[in-house]
Amino acid sequence: MTGAVRRPREAYRRLRLGTRLALGLGALSLAVFAVVGTALTTYMRDYLEQQLGTQLKLVQTVQSKDAAAHGTVKRKPYYGWYTAVYDVSGDSVALRRPADVPEDTRAFADLARAMAHSDTELLDTAWIRGEGKYRLRGCEVEQDVVLISAAPVADVDETVERLITVQVVVFALALLALVVLGRRMLRRGLKPLSDMAHTAHGIASHDLTESAARLPLRADGRDGGPEVAELRTAFNTMLEHIDDSLAVRAEAERRLRRFVADASHELRTPLMSVRGYADLFQYAAANEPGERERHLARLRAEAARMGVLLDDLLLLARLDAAEVDTPLRTVDADLVELVRQAADAFRASHPEHPLTVDAGAGELRLRLDPQRIRQVLDNLLTNAAVHTPPGTRVTVEAGAAGGAALVRVVDTGPGVPAEDRERVFDRFYRVDKARSRDRGGSGLGLAVARSLVRAHGGTLELSGAPGATVFTVRLPLAGSDGAGPADR
């Protein structure tokens, strides 16, 4: 029994929302029609029976005079009506003749007998054999004389039956029209939800194109009302966020795959060199002892180079992950002094590149990590030396403008082609693909520099034209404990 009840419920739950709402509206309307029809039928029956009783009373008023004058009533007032006069005394009941009564007079005699013990008019409804249902009314004409009148109730019942038939037909047609039209209106009103479901299916099939993953907002107001319009807007906003998130995720995966491939490629070279020099060192130790120190020095150099590469990769990973334990150790430091120190180190290591420093005579104190900012400056200066021919002039400028501290590294080398400027900060990217790794570095210097500047809340930009390359470091002055440029 429980399974039989559960199956219709499951079938109902599988119906579409518009159909379920239409059926619910139909059931509610059916209940309303039933209540209205019952009330109307009951009221009409009571009204007709009351009218019949009033008509009986009026007829009996005339018949009472006739019975008092002639002792009986000789004719029917209406076709199908009956009239009888009874003599009652004690428990005896006698019908006066002539009388117009049916063959079955038990109901008449019973009402006359009841009138013998009553001082008021009596009403009764009885079934007379061979005639049907009648409404009987008794009244006293004179002492121990009772007038009984009977009117058929068939007309009342027929009228009520016709009223019920009309109600059933009308209510059934109205219910059918209400369900059909209501379902259409509901489907039209729920069309935005169907569109959302279709869009959701498109998302499930990984189709996030502009046409498939957006719900249009209609300007004619026929989009389901303000609630549905708000739902459309929220749904489109959610889809935009999902689309953006998927795009960011796809870009991150693409960069991760490229990063892993490049890192594997970059690490393979020093590893192969380490293994090769280790074999040479082993061979020299057995056959040519004089060559051991040279091979050992190269082995150490390759190991150191691989260690620097791994340190840069670890630093980039920590900066990208935005770890709580940030690699920055900020203090109040003078940016101009850091520029001068980087310039001195550059002159010592690259004497073939003349260097000019324009930093003014004052200080420019900021809240920063001196070691990391020095690493940024060294990377930019080394980049200028590595990618320009000997004799190329390099200039370093330091100052403040627009609420930020600026450091510019300018060289007069061949410049960076326009098609490569967007990717010079990518990891392992080299403008000169033919440059050896011994000469050109690992390709992480500019990526590390930009990440470190961003960790300080600043920016690193590349500009310039053929014959000039300009790297601009912009660091915010906010949060500096020392005097700013305006104070100086």
Protein backbone atom coordinates (compact mmCIF):
# COMPACT_ATOMS: atom_id res chain seq x y z
CA MET A 1 0.00 0.00 0.00
CA THR A 2 2.85 2.34 0.86
CA GLY A 3 4.53 1.61 -2.49
CA ALA A 4 1.28 2.29 -4.35
CA VAL A 5 1.03 5.70 -2.67
CA ARG A 6 4.69 6.48 -3.23
CA ARG A 7 4.58 5.88 -7.00
CA PRO A 8 2.03 8.66 -7.74
CA ARG A 9 4.04 11.01 -5.55
CA GLU A 10 7.21 10.24 -7.44
CA ALA A 11 5.40 10.68 -10.76
CA TYR A 12 4.07 14.04 -9.55
CA ARG A 13 7.53 15.17 -8.50
CA ARG A 14 8.89 14.35 -11.95
CA LEU A 15 6.43 16.77 -13.58
CA ARG A 16 7.68 20.16 -14.71
CA LEU A 17 7.18 23.06 -12.37
CA GLY A 18 4.63 24.78 -14.64
CA THR A 19 2.51 21.62 -14.86
CA ARG A 20 2.69 21.10 -11.10
CA LEU A 21 1.64 24.69 -10.45
CA ALA A 22 -1.22 24.38 -12.96
CA LEU A 23 -2.42 21.17 -11.30
CA GLY A 24 -2.18 22.77 -7.90
CA LEU A 25 -4.15 25.78 -9.17
CA GLY A 26 -6.74 23.41 -10.62
CA ALA A 27 -7.08 21.50 -7.35
CA LEU A 28 -7.48 24.72 -5.42
CA SER A 29 -10.02 26.01 -7.92
CA LEU A 30 -11.91 22.71 -7.73
CA ALA A 31 -12.15 23.03 -3.96
CA VAL A 32 -13.39 26.63 -4.30
CA PHE A 33 -15.95 25.62 -6.95
CA ALA A 34 -17.18 22.76 -4.73
CA VAL A 35 -17.68 25.08 -1.76
CA VAL A 36 -19.38 27.74 -3.89
CA GLY A 37 -21.57 25.19 -5.66
CA THR A 38 -22.63 23.53 -2.39
CA ALA A 39 -23.45 26.85 -0.78
CA LEU A 40 -25.39 28.03 -3.84
CA THR A 41 -27.34 24.75 -4.14
CA THR A 42 -28.20 24.71 -0.44
CA TYR A 43 -29.32 28.32 -0.56
CA MET A 44 -31.45 27.72 -3.67
CA ARG A 45 -33.11 24.62 -2.19
CA ASP A 46 -33.92 26.43 1.07
CA TYR A 47 -35.26 29.38 -0.88
CA LEU A 48 -37.51 27.25 -3.11
CA GLU A 49 -38.81 25.24 -0.15
CA GLN A 50 -39.52 28.49 1.70
CA GLN A 51 -41.40 29.80 -1.34
CA LEU A 52 -43.37 26.56 -1.53
CA GLY A 53 -44.26 26.86 2.16
CA THR A 54 -45.40 30.45 1.66
CA GLN A 55 -47.51 29.38 -1.29
CA LEU A 56 -49.06 26.59 0.81
CA LYS A 57 -49.90 29.08 3.52
CA LEU A 58 -51.61 31.44 1.07
CA VAL A 59 -53.60 28.59 -0.45
CA GLN A 60 -54.66 27.31 2.96
CA THR A 61 -55.91 30.77 3.93
CA VAL A 62 -58.49 30.54 1.13
CA GLN A 63 -59.20 26.85 1.69
CA SER A 64 -59.82 27.39 5.41
CA LYS A 65 -62.71 29.74 4.60
CA ASP A 66 -64.12 27.23 2.11
CA ALA A 67 -63.81 24.40 4.65
CA ALA A 68 -65.51 26.47 7.38
CA ALA A 69 -68.40 27.36 5.05
CA HIS A 70 -68.98 24.00 3.32
CA GLY A 71 -67.35 21.57 5.70
CA THR A 72 -64.84 20.41 3.06
CA VAL A 73 -62.75 21.57 0.08
CA LYS A 74 -64.03 20.24 -3.18
CA ARG A 75 -61.28 21.09 -5.70
CA LYS A 76 -57.47 21.24 -6.07
CA PRO A 77 -55.88 24.69 -6.06
CA TYR A 78 -53.15 23.53 -8.54
CA TYR A 79 -52.56 20.44 -10.61
CA GLY A 80 -50.96 17.74 -8.49
CA TRP A 81 -51.88 19.39 -5.20
CA TYR A 82 -54.09 17.62 -2.66
CA THR A 83 -56.47 18.91 0.05
CA ALA A 84 -58.30 17.05 2.81
CA VAL A 85 -60.36 17.94 5.88
CA TYR A 86 -60.12 15.70 8.93
CA ASP A 87 -62.31 15.47 12.04
CA VAL A 88 -60.12 14.82 15.03
CA SER A 89 -61.28 14.12 18.54
CA GLY A 90 -58.99 12.41 20.93
CA ASP A 91 -57.14 9.66 19.06
CA SER A 92 -59.76 9.17 16.29
CA VAL A 93 -59.13 10.64 12.84
CA ALA A 94 -61.87 10.71 10.19
CA LEU A 95 -61.59 12.00 6.64
CA ARG A 96 -64.49 14.13 5.48
CA ARG A 97 -65.98 13.41 2.07
CA PRO A 98 -65.82 14.52 -0.66
CA ALA A 99 -61.99 14.84 -0.49
CA ASP A 100 -59.27 15.11 -3.15
CA VAL A 101 -56.59 12.80 -1.77
CA PRO A 102 -54.25 10.19 -3.25
CA GLU A 103 -54.65 6.49 -2.65
CA ASP A 104 -51.96 6.55 0.03
CA THR A 105 -53.27 8.84 2.79
CA ARG A 106 -51.10 7.70 5.65
CA ALA A 107 -49.04 10.86 5.65
CA PHE A 108 -52.22 12.98 5.72
CA ALA A 109 -53.69 10.99 8.62
CA ASP A 110 -50.42 11.14 10.58
CA LEU A 111 -50.19 14.92 10.23
CA ALA A 112 -53.92 15.29 11.19
CA ARG A 113 -53.35 13.11 14.25
CA ALA A 114 -50.37 15.30 15.21
CA MET A 115 -52.54 18.41 14.78
CA ALA A 116 -54.98 17.03 17.39
CA HIS A 117 -52.24 17.55 19.98
CA SER A 118 -50.86 20.84 18.68
CA ASP A 119 -52.04 24.41 18.88
CA THR A 120 -49.88 25.64 15.98
CA GLU A 121 -49.48 24.94 12.29
CA LEU A 122 -47.36 21.92 11.38
CA LEU A 123 -45.17 21.25 8.35
CA ASP A 124 -43.91 17.90 7.17
CA THR A 125 -42.24 16.34 4.14
CA ALA A 126 -43.29 12.81 3.26
CA TRP A 127 -43.06 10.28 0.45
CA ILE A 128 -46.49 9.30 -0.89
CA ARG A 129 -46.62 5.97 -2.63
CA GLY A 130 -47.44 6.31 -6.30
CA GLU A 131 -47.11 10.12 -6.19
CA GLY A 132 -43.67 11.06 -4.98
CA LYS A 133 -42.29 13.51 -2.49
CA TYR A 134 -44.74 16.06 -1.04
CA ARG A 135 -44.67 18.99 1.31
CA LEU A 136 -47.60 18.83 3.78
CA ARG A 137 -49.02 21.65 5.86
CA GLY A 138 -51.75 21.35 8.50
CA CYS A 139 -53.83 24.05 10.14
CA GLU A 140 -56.88 24.07 12.38
CA VAL A 141 -60.08 25.30 10.74
CA GLU A 142 -62.26 25.07 13.83
CA GLN A 143 -62.52 22.99 16.95
CA ASP A 144 -61.52 19.36 16.11
CA VAL A 145 -61.45 20.18 12.38
CA VAL A 146 -58.05 20.12 10.60
CA LEU A 147 -57.18 21.16 7.05
CA ILE A 148 -54.31 19.27 5.39
CA SER A 149 -52.78 20.60 2.14
CA ALA A 150 -50.01 18.86 0.15
CA ALA A 151 -47.84 20.29 -2.62
CA PRO A 152 -45.42 18.23 -4.73
CA VAL A 153 -41.71 18.89 -4.19
CA ALA A 154 -40.75 17.50 -7.62
CA ASP A 155 -40.45 20.95 -9.16
CA VAL A 156 -38.09 22.05 -6.40
CA ASP A 157 -35.96 18.92 -6.79
CA GLU A 158 -35.93 19.29 -10.57
CA THR A 159 -34.88 22.91 -10.31
CA VAL A 160 -32.10 22.01 -7.88
CA GLU A 161 -30.93 19.16 -10.12
CA ARG A 162 -30.81 21.47 -13.12
CA LEU A 163 -28.87 24.00 -11.06
CA ILE A 164 -26.37 21.30 -10.03
CA THR A 165 -26.02 20.17 -13.66
CA VAL A 166 -25.41 23.71 -14.83
CA GLN A 167 -22.88 24.24 -12.06
CA VAL A 168 -21.02 21.03 -12.86
CA VAL A 169 -20.82 21.86 -16.56
CA VAL A 170 -19.85 25.49 -16.04
CA PHE A 171 -17.36 24.74 -13.29
CA ALA A 172 -15.82 21.91 -15.32
CA LEU A 173 -15.37 24.17 -18.36
CA ALA A 174 -14.02 26.96 -16.16
CA LEU A 175 -11.65 24.54 -14.45
CA LEU A 176 -10.42 23.18 -17.77
CA ALA A 177 -9.90 26.69 -19.16
CA LEU A 178 -8.18 27.73 -15.94
CA VAL A 179 -5.77 24.79 -16.03
CA VAL A 180 -4.97 25.15 -19.74
CA LEU A 181 -4.63 28.94 -19.77
CA GLY A 182 -2.98 28.93 -16.36
CA ARG A 183 -0.41 26.42 -17.55
CA ARG A 184 0.35 28.58 -20.58
CA MET A 185 0.68 31.68 -18.46
CA LEU A 186 2.82 29.85 -15.94
CA ARG A 187 5.05 28.46 -18.67
CA ARG A 188 5.38 31.96 -20.07
CA GLY A 189 6.13 33.37 -16.63
CA LEU A 190 8.59 30.56 -15.90
CA LYS A 191 10.32 30.95 -19.27
CA PRO A 192 13.27 32.77 -17.62
CA LEU A 193 13.76 29.78 -15.33
CA SER A 194 13.71 27.47 -18.35
CA ASP A 195 16.33 29.71 -19.98
CA MET A 196 18.43 29.45 -16.85
CA ALA A 197 18.09 25.68 -16.89
CA HIS A 198 19.14 25.63 -20.56
CA THR A 199 22.11 27.86 -19.75
CA ALA A 200 23.02 25.63 -16.82
CA HIS A 201 23.02 22.62 -19.18
CA GLY A 202 25.28 24.60 -21.48
CA ILE A 203 27.63 25.26 -18.58
CA ALA A 204 27.55 21.57 -17.72
CA SER A 205 28.71 20.87 -21.28
CA HIS A 206 31.53 23.43 -20.78
CA ASP A 207 29.93 25.94 -23.16
CA LEU A 208 30.57 29.37 -21.64
CA THR A 209 30.36 31.42 -24.82
CA GLU A 210 28.68 34.80 -24.66
CA SER A 211 25.55 33.60 -26.49
CA ALA A 212 25.10 30.36 -24.55
CA ALA A 213 25.97 31.54 -21.06
CA ARG A 214 24.10 34.82 -20.77
CA LEU A 215 20.43 35.57 -20.17
CA PRO A 216 19.23 38.66 -22.07
CA LEU A 217 17.43 41.37 -20.10
CA ARG A 218 14.27 42.45 -21.91
CA ALA A 219 13.39 46.11 -21.98
CA ASP A 220 9.65 45.60 -22.62
CA GLY A 221 8.99 44.41 -19.06
CA ARG A 222 7.89 40.93 -20.23
CA ASP A 223 10.70 39.09 -18.51
CA GLY A 224 8.70 37.69 -15.57
CA GLY A 225 8.62 40.70 -13.29
CA PRO A 226 11.22 42.42 -11.11
CA GLU A 227 11.96 39.28 -9.12
CA VAL A 228 12.86 37.30 -12.23
CA ALA A 229 14.81 40.27 -13.59
CA GLU A 230 16.85 40.36 -10.37
CA LEU A 231 17.39 36.62 -10.66
CA ARG A 232 18.53 37.07 -14.28
CA THR A 233 21.00 39.77 -13.24
CA ALA A 234 22.33 37.69 -10.36
CA PHE A 235 22.61 34.64 -12.63
CA ASN A 236 24.50 36.58 -15.30
CA THR A 237 26.79 38.08 -12.66
CA MET A 238 27.50 34.61 -11.31
CA LEU A 239 28.25 33.37 -14.83
CA GLU A 240 30.63 36.27 -15.41
CA HIS A 241 32.46 35.42 -12.20
CA ILE A 242 32.59 31.75 -13.18
CA ASP A 243 33.80 32.67 -16.67
CA ASP A 244 36.48 34.96 -15.23
CA SER A 245 37.51 32.32 -12.70
CA LEU A 246 37.76 29.65 -15.38
CA ALA A 247 39.76 32.00 -17.59
CA VAL A 248 42.12 32.78 -14.72
CA ARG A 249 42.37 29.09 -13.92
CA ALA A 250 43.06 28.18 -17.54
CA GLU A 251 45.71 30.90 -17.77
CA ALA A 252 47.26 29.75 -14.50
CA GLU A 253 47.33 26.14 -15.70
CA ARG A 254 48.85 27.22 -18.99
CA ARG A 255 51.53 29.24 -17.24
CA LEU A 256 52.12 26.43 -14.76
CA ARG A 257 52.64 23.92 -17.56
CA ARG A 258 55.01 26.30 -19.33
CA PHE A 259 56.77 27.05 -16.06
CA VAL A 260 57.25 23.37 -15.26
CA ALA A 261 58.51 22.69 -18.78
CA ASP A 262 60.92 25.63 -18.66
CA ALA A 263 62.10 24.80 -15.15
CA SER A 264 62.74 21.19 -16.17
CA HIS A 265 64.63 22.38 -19.21
CA GLU A 266 66.67 24.92 -17.22
CA LEU A 267 67.54 22.47 -14.46
CA ARG A 268 68.54 19.77 -16.94
CA THR A 269 71.50 21.84 -18.21
CA PRO A 270 73.30 22.37 -14.87
CA LEU A 271 72.50 18.83 -13.81
CA MET A 272 74.07 17.46 -16.98
CA SER A 273 77.04 19.75 -16.47
CA VAL A 274 77.44 18.60 -12.86
CA ARG A 275 77.34 14.98 -13.90
CA GLY A 276 79.76 15.56 -16.77
CA TYR A 277 82.29 17.43 -14.64
CA ALA A 278 81.93 14.78 -11.93
CA ASP A 279 82.87 12.12 -14.48
CA LEU A 280 85.78 14.26 -15.69
CA PHE A 281 86.91 14.78 -12.09
CA GLN A 282 86.79 11.03 -11.49
CA TYR A 283 88.78 10.41 -14.68
CA ALA A 284 91.34 13.12 -13.82
CA ALA A 285 91.76 11.77 -10.30
CA ALA A 286 92.82 8.43 -11.78
CA ASN A 287 94.74 9.52 -14.87
CA GLU A 288 95.60 13.25 -14.82
CA PRO A 289 95.84 14.59 -11.26
CA GLY A 290 96.75 18.05 -12.55
CA GLU A 291 93.33 18.54 -14.08
CA ARG A 292 91.40 17.73 -10.88
CA GLU A 293 91.29 21.28 -9.50
CA ARG A 294 90.01 22.74 -12.78
CA HIS A 295 87.24 20.17 -13.05
CA LEU A 296 86.39 20.60 -9.37
CA ALA A 297 86.12 24.37 -9.82
CA ARG A 298 83.76 23.94 -12.76
CA LEU A 299 81.75 21.41 -10.77
CA ARG A 300 81.37 23.90 -7.93
CA ALA A 301 80.42 26.68 -10.35
CA GLU A 302 77.65 24.60 -11.93
CA ALA A 303 76.37 23.58 -8.50
CA ALA A 304 76.35 27.21 -7.39
CA ARG A 305 74.54 28.21 -10.57
CA MET A 306 71.91 25.53 -9.99
CA GLY A 307 71.56 26.70 -6.38
CA VAL A 308 70.90 30.29 -7.52
CA LEU A 309 68.29 29.03 -9.99
CA LEU A 310 66.55 27.00 -7.28
CA ASP A 311 66.63 29.96 -4.89
CA ASP A 312 64.96 32.16 -7.50
CA LEU A 313 62.31 29.54 -8.17
CA LEU A 314 61.62 29.16 -4.45
CA LEU A 315 61.38 32.93 -4.02
CA LEU A 316 58.94 33.24 -6.93
CA ALA A 317 56.82 30.41 -5.54
CA ARG A 318 56.62 32.08 -2.12
CA LEU A 319 55.73 35.44 -3.67
CA ASP A 320 53.05 33.89 -5.90
CA ALA A 321 51.51 31.99 -2.98
CA ALA A 322 51.26 35.20 -0.92
CA GLU A 323 52.42 33.32 2.14
CA VAL A 324 51.63 34.69 5.57
CA ASP A 325 55.33 34.30 6.36
CA THR A 326 56.28 36.81 3.68
CA PRO A 327 59.90 36.77 2.48
CA LEU A 328 60.13 40.54 3.01
CA ARG A 329 61.80 42.00 6.08
CA THR A 330 60.94 45.67 5.85
CA VAL A 331 62.80 48.41 7.69
CA ASP A 332 63.14 52.16 7.29
CA ALA A 333 65.87 52.50 4.65
CA ASP A 334 67.28 55.08 2.26
CA LEU A 335 66.47 54.20 -1.35
CA VAL A 336 69.14 56.61 -2.67
CA GLU A 337 71.82 54.82 -0.66
CA LEU A 338 70.69 51.47 -2.05
CA VAL A 339 70.96 52.89 -5.58
CA ARG A 340 74.51 54.10 -4.92
CA GLN A 341 75.55 50.72 -3.50
CA ALA A 342 74.12 48.90 -6.52
CA ALA A 343 75.91 51.35 -8.81
CA ASP A 344 79.28 50.75 -7.08
CA ALA A 345 78.85 46.98 -7.37
CA PHE A 346 77.94 47.36 -11.06
CA ARG A 347 81.03 49.47 -11.80
CA ALA A 348 83.23 46.86 -10.15
CA SER A 349 81.73 43.89 -11.99
CA HIS A 350 81.06 45.54 -15.37
CA PRO A 351 83.76 48.15 -16.00
CA GLU A 352 83.16 47.97 -19.75
CA HIS A 353 79.76 49.74 -19.28
CA PRO A 354 80.01 53.39 -18.20
CA LEU A 355 77.43 54.12 -15.48
CA THR A 356 75.87 57.45 -14.50
CA VAL A 357 73.92 57.92 -11.26
CA ASP A 358 71.42 60.78 -10.88
CA ALA A 359 69.96 60.52 -7.36
CA GLY A 360 70.42 64.01 -5.93
CA ALA A 361 72.19 64.83 -2.69
CA GLY A 362 69.36 64.11 -0.19
CA GLU A 363 67.78 60.98 1.17
CA LEU A 364 64.66 59.13 0.08
CA ARG A 365 63.60 57.00 3.02
CA LEU A 366 61.00 54.27 2.58
CA ARG A 367 59.66 51.28 4.40
CA LEU A 368 61.18 48.41 2.41
CA ASP A 369 63.34 45.30 2.47
CA PRO A 370 66.83 46.60 1.62
CA GLN A 371 68.15 43.18 0.57
CA ARG A 372 65.29 42.53 -1.84
CA ILE A 373 65.28 46.04 -3.34
CA ARG A 374 69.04 45.73 -3.79
CA GLN A 375 68.37 42.42 -5.56
CA VAL A 376 65.91 44.21 -7.88
CA LEU A 377 68.46 46.93 -8.70
CA ASP A 378 71.23 44.40 -9.29
CA ASN A 379 69.00 42.39 -11.61
CA LEU A 380 68.06 45.44 -13.66
CA LEU A 381 71.65 46.65 -13.95
CA THR A 382 72.93 43.16 -14.78
CA ASN A 383 70.20 42.85 -17.42
CA ALA A 384 71.39 46.09 -18.99
CA ALA A 385 74.98 44.85 -19.05
CA VAL A 386 74.19 41.37 -20.35
CA HIS A 387 71.93 42.44 -23.22
CA THR A 388 73.95 45.39 -24.51
CA PRO A 389 77.40 45.48 -26.17
CA PRO A 390 80.46 46.78 -24.27
CA GLY A 391 80.68 50.56 -24.14
CA THR A 392 76.90 51.02 -23.85
CA ARG A 393 76.09 53.78 -21.39
CA VAL A 394 73.82 52.93 -18.47
CA THR A 395 72.05 55.53 -16.33
CA VAL A 396 70.34 55.11 -12.94
CA GLU A 397 67.94 57.82 -11.75
CA ALA A 398 66.23 58.01 -8.35
CA GLY A 399 63.60 60.48 -7.18
CA ALA A 400 59.99 60.97 -6.16
CA ALA A 401 56.90 62.04 -8.09
CA GLY A 402 53.16 61.64 -7.65
CA GLY A 403 53.36 60.17 -4.15
CA ALA A 404 55.77 57.43 -5.21
CA ALA A 405 59.48 56.82 -5.27
CA LEU A 406 60.88 56.19 -8.75
CA VAL A 407 64.03 54.42 -9.87
CA ARG A 408 64.83 54.32 -13.59
CA VAL A 409 67.48 52.14 -15.20
CA VAL A 410 68.18 53.38 -18.73
CA ASP A 411 70.57 51.96 -21.29
CA THR A 412 71.32 53.05 -24.85
CA GLY A 413 71.51 49.53 -26.22
CA PRO A 414 69.56 48.05 -29.15
CA GLY A 415 66.30 48.06 -27.15
CA VAL A 416 63.60 45.45 -26.78
CA PRO A 417 61.47 44.62 -29.83
CA ALA A 418 57.81 45.61 -29.48
CA GLU A 419 56.62 42.02 -29.86
CA ASP A 420 58.77 40.95 -26.88
CA ARG A 421 57.92 43.72 -24.42
CA GLU A 422 54.81 41.96 -23.12
CA ARG A 423 56.78 38.83 -22.26
CA VAL A 424 60.11 40.07 -20.96
CA PHE A 425 58.84 39.62 -17.39
CA ASP A 426 57.78 36.01 -18.03
CA ARG A 427 59.84 33.33 -16.36
CA PHE A 428 62.56 31.75 -18.49
CA TYR A 429 61.77 34.07 -21.39
CA ARG A 430 64.69 35.45 -23.38
CA VAL A 431 64.56 38.09 -26.09
CA ASP A 432 67.71 36.68 -27.71
CA LYS A 433 66.90 32.99 -28.19
CA ALA A 434 70.43 32.27 -29.42
CA ARG A 435 72.13 33.63 -26.29
CA SER A 436 73.85 30.95 -24.20
CA ARG A 437 72.82 30.37 -20.63
CA ASP A 438 76.30 31.19 -19.44
CA ARG A 439 75.94 34.63 -21.00
CA GLY A 440 72.23 35.25 -20.82
CA GLY A 441 71.33 33.92 -17.39
CA SER A 442 68.38 31.75 -16.46
CA GLY A 443 65.64 34.07 -17.63
CA LEU A 444 64.31 34.59 -14.09
CA GLY A 445 65.93 37.92 -13.24
CA LEU A 446 63.17 40.23 -14.48
CA ALA A 447 60.42 37.90 -13.21
CA VAL A 448 61.99 37.92 -9.74
CA ALA A 449 62.45 41.70 -9.87
CA ARG A 450 58.81 42.34 -10.80
CA SER A 451 57.52 39.95 -8.14
CA LEU A 452 59.65 41.61 -5.46
CA VAL A 453 58.49 45.09 -6.49
CA ARG A 454 54.86 43.92 -6.41
CA ALA A 455 55.44 42.45 -2.95
CA HIS A 456 56.39 45.98 -1.87
CA GLY A 457 53.14 47.31 -3.36
CA GLY A 458 54.88 48.86 -6.36
CA THR A 459 55.19 48.30 -10.10
CA LEU A 460 58.00 47.54 -12.56
CA GLU A 461 57.45 48.77 -16.11
CA LEU A 462 59.35 48.64 -19.39
CA SER A 463 59.31 51.47 -21.88
CA GLY A 464 61.56 52.97 -24.48
CA ALA A 465 62.22 52.68 -28.18
CA PRO A 466 64.91 51.25 -30.45
CA GLY A 467 68.20 52.59 -29.11
CA ALA A 468 66.91 53.08 -25.54
CA THR A 469 65.49 50.77 -22.89
CA VAL A 470 63.92 52.14 -19.69
CA PHE A 471 62.94 50.04 -16.68
CA THR A 472 60.96 52.05 -14.11
CA VAL A 473 60.52 50.90 -10.51
CA ARG A 474 57.66 52.67 -8.71
CA LEU A 475 57.38 52.22 -4.92
CA PRO A 476 54.66 53.83 -2.75
CA LEU A 477 55.73 56.49 -0.29
CA ALA A 478 52.81 55.76 2.08
CA GLY A 479 53.88 54.19 5.35
CA SER A 480 57.35 55.74 5.34
CA ASP A 481 58.56 56.60 8.82
CA GLY A 482 61.06 59.09 7.53
CA ALA A 483 60.64 62.41 5.79
CA GLY A 484 59.13 62.30 2.36
CA PRO A 485 60.25 64.32 -0.64
CA ALA A 486 57.93 67.14 0.24
CA ASP A 487 59.50 67.40 3.70
CA ARG A 488 62.94 67.69 2.12
